[in-house]
Amino acid sequence: MTPSTIPDITDAEHWMVSTTIAERWSNKKIDIEMADVEIRMHPDDRVLSLCPALYWQVDNTSFVIVKTGERNYRCQFYYRGYQQYGTGKTEFDDIADCITTLLQVHSDKETELSMEQH
């Protein structure tokens, strides 16, 4: 898929992500930014593809959802460049499933980190 065939993030997709984030962090104002990111669509690709993305930060964590097709999304969160975490699923075909899974994996990681500190 060439970059020109990847549609922009729709208002409905943005709404789904912002609503889910607001439910998770109801006590905080989270700003979601639209961005463009360059990714390898396939691990062996030599050329990067430009894809639309949603990016936000909460405390010391950064999150990104990348739209890779009409109904295809990839996501991850990270604390520092070398502490990157995915969901274990390469790509989602539903943004609600993508954001929900991403936030659940993040919550599990936060629990794991807090247990290591005690």
Protein backbone atom coordinates (compact mmCIF):
# COMPACT_ATOMS: atom_id res chain seq x y z
CA MET A 1 0.00 0.00 0.00
CA THR A 2 1.42 3.35 -0.95
CA PRO A 3 1.20 6.32 1.40
CA SER A 4 -1.30 8.06 -0.86
CA THR A 5 -3.80 5.20 -0.43
CA ILE A 6 -3.80 5.36 3.39
CA PRO A 7 -6.75 7.54 4.35
CA ASP A 8 -6.49 10.16 7.06
CA ILE A 9 -7.82 9.47 10.54
CA THR A 10 -11.53 10.19 10.52
CA ASP A 11 -13.49 12.22 13.04
CA ALA A 12 -15.18 9.00 14.19
CA GLU A 13 -11.82 7.30 14.80
CA HIS A 14 -10.51 10.33 16.68
CA TRP A 15 -13.71 10.43 18.75
CA MET A 16 -13.40 6.73 19.64
CA VAL A 17 -9.82 7.19 20.86
CA SER A 18 -10.51 10.43 22.75
CA THR A 19 -13.63 9.01 24.42
CA THR A 20 -11.81 5.87 25.54
CA ILE A 21 -8.88 7.91 26.87
CA ALA A 22 -11.28 10.22 28.74
CA GLU A 23 -12.89 7.18 30.38
CA ARG A 24 -9.50 5.81 31.43
CA TRP A 25 -8.11 9.11 32.77
CA SER A 26 -11.25 10.96 33.81
CA ASN A 27 -9.24 13.09 36.25
CA LYS A 28 -6.84 14.44 33.58
CA LYS A 29 -7.07 16.52 30.43
CA ILE A 30 -5.28 14.53 27.71
CA ASP A 31 -4.40 16.28 24.45
CA ILE A 32 -4.37 14.01 21.43
CA GLU A 33 -2.23 15.20 18.55
CA MET A 34 -2.56 14.28 14.89
CA ALA A 35 0.77 13.30 13.40
CA ASP A 36 2.39 11.62 10.43
CA VAL A 37 4.87 8.84 11.08
CA GLU A 38 7.15 6.83 8.86
CA ILE A 39 6.98 3.07 9.33
CA ARG A 40 7.91 -0.13 7.55
CA MET A 41 4.66 -1.68 6.39
CA HIS A 42 6.41 -5.07 6.33
CA PRO A 43 9.52 -6.05 8.30
CA ASP A 44 11.59 -6.56 5.14
CA ASP A 45 10.59 -3.25 3.50
CA ARG A 46 13.50 -0.98 2.67
CA VAL A 47 11.32 2.05 2.06
CA LEU A 48 9.36 3.74 4.83
CA SER A 49 5.68 4.59 4.33
CA LEU A 50 4.12 7.78 5.64
CA CYS A 51 1.04 7.04 7.76
CA PRO A 52 -1.36 9.20 9.80
CA ALA A 53 -1.22 8.71 13.56
CA LEU A 54 -2.68 9.81 16.88
CA TYR A 55 -0.20 10.62 19.64
CA TRP A 56 -0.67 11.51 23.32
CA GLN A 57 1.22 11.52 26.59
CA VAL A 58 0.15 10.68 30.12
CA ASP A 59 2.69 11.30 32.86
CA ASN A 60 5.90 9.58 31.73
CA THR A 61 4.26 7.47 29.01
CA SER A 62 3.81 8.24 25.31
CA PHE A 63 1.22 6.45 23.18
CA VAL A 64 0.75 6.18 19.43
CA ILE A 65 -1.85 4.65 17.14
CA VAL A 66 -0.83 4.47 13.49
CA LYS A 67 -3.39 4.04 10.72
CA THR A 68 -1.92 1.69 8.10
CA GLY A 69 -4.97 1.17 5.89
CA GLU A 70 -8.69 1.81 5.53
CA ARG A 71 -9.42 -0.17 8.72
CA ASN A 72 -5.95 -1.15 9.90
CA TYR A 73 -4.15 0.17 12.97
CA ARG A 74 -0.91 -0.46 14.85
CA CYS A 75 -0.20 0.81 18.34
CA GLN A 76 2.43 1.00 21.04
CA PHE A 77 3.39 2.89 24.16
CA TYR A 78 6.78 3.76 25.48
CA TYR A 79 8.49 5.27 28.49
CA ARG A 80 11.82 5.97 26.82
CA GLY A 81 13.05 5.16 23.35
CA TYR A 82 14.38 1.80 24.48
CA GLN A 83 11.32 0.90 26.58
CA GLN A 84 8.74 0.30 23.85
CA TYR A 85 5.76 -1.98 24.31
CA GLY A 86 3.20 -3.32 21.90
CA THR A 87 0.07 -5.35 22.47
CA GLY A 88 1.34 -8.63 21.08
CA LYS A 89 -0.91 -8.16 18.06
CA THR A 90 0.73 -6.73 14.95
CA GLU A 91 -2.34 -5.01 13.52
CA PHE A 92 -5.97 -4.37 14.42
CA ASP A 93 -8.92 -4.01 12.05
CA ASP A 94 -11.05 -2.11 14.57
CA ILE A 95 -9.89 1.07 16.30
CA ALA A 96 -12.03 0.41 19.39
CA ASP A 97 -10.30 -2.95 19.86
CA CYS A 98 -6.93 -1.28 19.21
CA ILE A 99 -7.30 1.49 21.81
CA THR A 100 -8.91 -0.81 24.40
CA THR A 101 -6.17 -3.42 24.05
CA LEU A 102 -3.43 -0.77 24.14
CA LEU A 103 -4.76 0.75 27.36
CA GLN A 104 -5.22 -2.69 28.96
CA VAL A 105 -1.64 -3.71 28.16
CA HIS A 106 -0.43 -0.37 29.53
CA SER A 107 -2.43 -0.88 32.73
CA ASP A 108 -0.98 -4.38 33.13
CA LYS A 109 2.55 -3.01 32.61
CA GLU A 110 1.97 -0.26 35.19
CA THR A 111 0.81 -2.88 37.71
CA GLU A 112 3.88 -5.00 36.96
CA LEU A 113 6.22 -2.02 37.39
CA SER A 114 4.61 -0.96 40.68
CA MET A 115 5.00 -4.50 42.04
CA GLU A 116 8.70 -4.50 41.09
CA GLN A 117 9.21 -1.30 43.10
CA HIS A 118 7.84 -2.85 46.29
